[in-house]
Amino acid sequence: MRLIGLISPSRALFSENGRPRAAVVGESVGELVVREIHPDHVVVSRRGELERLVLERRSVPLEAAGGARGNAGR
């Protein structure tokens, strides 16, 4: 189970077996129960133990972000 996004301040987006799944506080996602949703992490419980899942950040290549000019203008 991975935390892959936040849809709103109260809804988290998880990836479960490659499929996206949204949940709010109190909802179960697989064997996890969502306890808290924060801007960069979610607190869940698994079999009564609290865990922190950090939001995955993907780096964007400089070219894709528009920061490189390539051969344009040469």
C-alpha atoms as a PDB file:
ATOM      1  CA  MET A   1       0.000   0.000   0.000  1.00  0.00           C
ATOM      2  CA  ARG A   2       1.381   3.399  -1.015  1.00  0.00           C
ATOM      3  CA  LEU A   3       0.173   6.927  -0.458  1.00  0.00           C
ATOM      4  CA  ILE A   4       0.224   8.554  -3.901  1.00  0.00           C
ATOM      5  CA  GLY A   5      -1.780  11.742  -3.488  1.00  0.00           C
ATOM      6  CA  LEU A   6      -4.209  13.951  -1.668  1.00  0.00           C
ATOM      7  CA  ILE A   7      -7.473  14.705  -3.442  1.00  0.00           C
ATOM      8  CA  SER A   8      -8.607  17.277  -0.896  1.00  0.00           C
ATOM      9  CA  PRO A   9      -7.659  18.165   2.661  1.00  0.00           C
ATOM     10  CA  SER A  10      -9.851  15.308   3.850  1.00  0.00           C
ATOM     11  CA  ARG A  11      -9.291  12.577   1.237  1.00  0.00           C
ATOM     12  CA  ALA A  12      -6.125  10.577   0.585  1.00  0.00           C
ATOM     13  CA  LEU A  13      -5.307   8.559  -2.532  1.00  0.00           C
ATOM     14  CA  PHE A  14      -3.606   5.207  -2.134  1.00  0.00           C
ATOM     15  CA  SER A  15      -2.293   2.665  -4.597  1.00  0.00           C
ATOM     16  CA  GLU A  16      -3.420  -0.842  -3.734  1.00  0.00           C
ATOM     17  CA  ASN A  17      -2.081  -3.532  -6.066  1.00  0.00           C
ATOM     18  CA  GLY A  18      -1.568  -0.889  -8.755  1.00  0.00           C
ATOM     19  CA  ARG A  19      -5.137   0.438  -8.487  1.00  0.00           C
ATOM     20  CA  PRO A  20      -5.932   3.877  -7.033  1.00  0.00           C
ATOM     21  CA  ARG A  21      -8.211   4.003  -4.020  1.00  0.00           C
ATOM     22  CA  ALA A  22      -9.434   7.120  -2.194  1.00  0.00           C
ATOM     23  CA  ALA A  23     -10.276   7.137   1.515  1.00  0.00           C
ATOM     24  CA  VAL A  24     -11.253   9.527   4.293  1.00  0.00           C
ATOM     25  CA  VAL A  25     -10.483   9.384   8.016  1.00  0.00           C
ATOM     26  CA  GLY A  26     -12.105   6.312   9.535  1.00  0.00           C
ATOM     27  CA  GLU A  27     -12.218   4.338   6.271  1.00  0.00           C
ATOM     28  CA  SER A  28     -10.360   1.087   5.710  1.00  0.00           C
ATOM     29  CA  VAL A  29      -8.035   0.558   2.768  1.00  0.00           C
ATOM     30  CA  GLY A  30      -6.971  -3.055   2.696  1.00  0.00           C
ATOM     31  CA  GLU A  31      -5.747  -3.849   6.203  1.00  0.00           C
ATOM     32  CA  LEU A  32      -5.156  -0.159   7.000  1.00  0.00           C
ATOM     33  CA  VAL A  33      -7.537   2.258   8.720  1.00  0.00           C
ATOM     34  CA  VAL A  34      -6.989   5.945   7.938  1.00  0.00           C
ATOM     35  CA  ARG A  35      -6.575   7.867  11.213  1.00  0.00           C
ATOM     36  CA  GLU A  36      -5.226  11.304  10.175  1.00  0.00           C
ATOM     37  CA  ILE A  37      -4.646  13.137   6.879  1.00  0.00           C
ATOM     38  CA  HIS A  38      -1.935  15.810   6.639  1.00  0.00           C
ATOM     39  CA  PRO A  39      -0.541  17.793   3.643  1.00  0.00           C
ATOM     40  CA  ASP A  40       2.464  15.466   3.195  1.00  0.00           C
ATOM     41  CA  HIS A  41       1.604  12.285   5.098  1.00  0.00           C
ATOM     42  CA  VAL A  42      -1.203  10.114   6.429  1.00  0.00           C
ATOM     43  CA  VAL A  43      -1.385   8.288   9.749  1.00  0.00           C
ATOM     44  CA  VAL A  44      -2.935   4.836   9.504  1.00  0.00           C
ATOM     45  CA  SER A  45      -3.375   1.936  11.869  1.00  0.00           C
ATOM     46  CA  ARG A  46      -2.534  -1.636  10.981  1.00  0.00           C
ATOM     47  CA  ARG A  47      -3.603  -4.246  13.520  1.00  0.00           C
ATOM     48  CA  GLY A  48      -3.796  -1.530  16.189  1.00  0.00           C
ATOM     49  CA  GLU A  49      -0.301  -0.109  15.501  1.00  0.00           C
ATOM     50  CA  LEU A  50       0.004   3.447  14.140  1.00  0.00           C
ATOM     51  CA  GLU A  51       2.100   4.012  11.009  1.00  0.00           C
ATOM     52  CA  ARG A  52       2.985   7.117   9.033  1.00  0.00           C
ATOM     53  CA  LEU A  53       2.783   6.899   5.227  1.00  0.00           C
ATOM     54  CA  VAL A  54       4.655   9.728   3.502  1.00  0.00           C
ATOM     55  CA  LEU A  55       3.362  11.173   0.239  1.00  0.00           C
ATOM     56  CA  GLU A  56       5.523   9.987  -2.631  1.00  0.00           C
ATOM     57  CA  ARG A  57       7.116  12.783  -4.612  1.00  0.00           C
ATOM     58  CA  ARG A  58       8.208  12.128  -8.162  1.00  0.00           C
ATOM     59  CA  SER A  59      11.019  14.164  -9.562  1.00  0.00           C
ATOM     60  CA  VAL A  60      10.384  15.786 -12.931  1.00  0.00           C
ATOM     61  CA  PRO A  61      13.249  15.887 -15.445  1.00  0.00           C
ATOM     62  CA  LEU A  62      14.402  19.420 -16.162  1.00  0.00           C
ATOM     63  CA  GLU A  63      13.345  19.130 -19.811  1.00  0.00           C
ATOM     64  CA  ALA A  64       9.788  18.172 -18.846  1.00  0.00           C
ATOM     65  CA  ALA A  65       9.569  21.104 -16.447  1.00  0.00           C
ATOM     66  CA  GLY A  66      10.485  23.561 -19.228  1.00  0.00           C
ATOM     67  CA  GLY A  67      13.830  24.444 -17.702  1.00  0.00           C
ATOM     68  CA  ALA A  68      16.048  23.283 -20.551  1.00  0.00           C
ATOM     69  CA  ARG A  69      16.087  24.826 -24.022  1.00  0.00           C
ATOM     70  CA  GLY A  70      17.652  21.951 -25.933  1.00  0.00           C
ATOM     71  CA  ASN A  71      18.734  22.877 -29.485  1.00  0.00           C
ATOM     72  CA  ALA A  72      16.099  25.590 -29.959  1.00  0.00           C
ATOM     73  CA  GLY A  73      17.570  28.838 -31.184  1.00  0.00           C
ATOM     74  CA  ARG A  74      20.821  27.333 -32.499  1.00  0.00           C
END
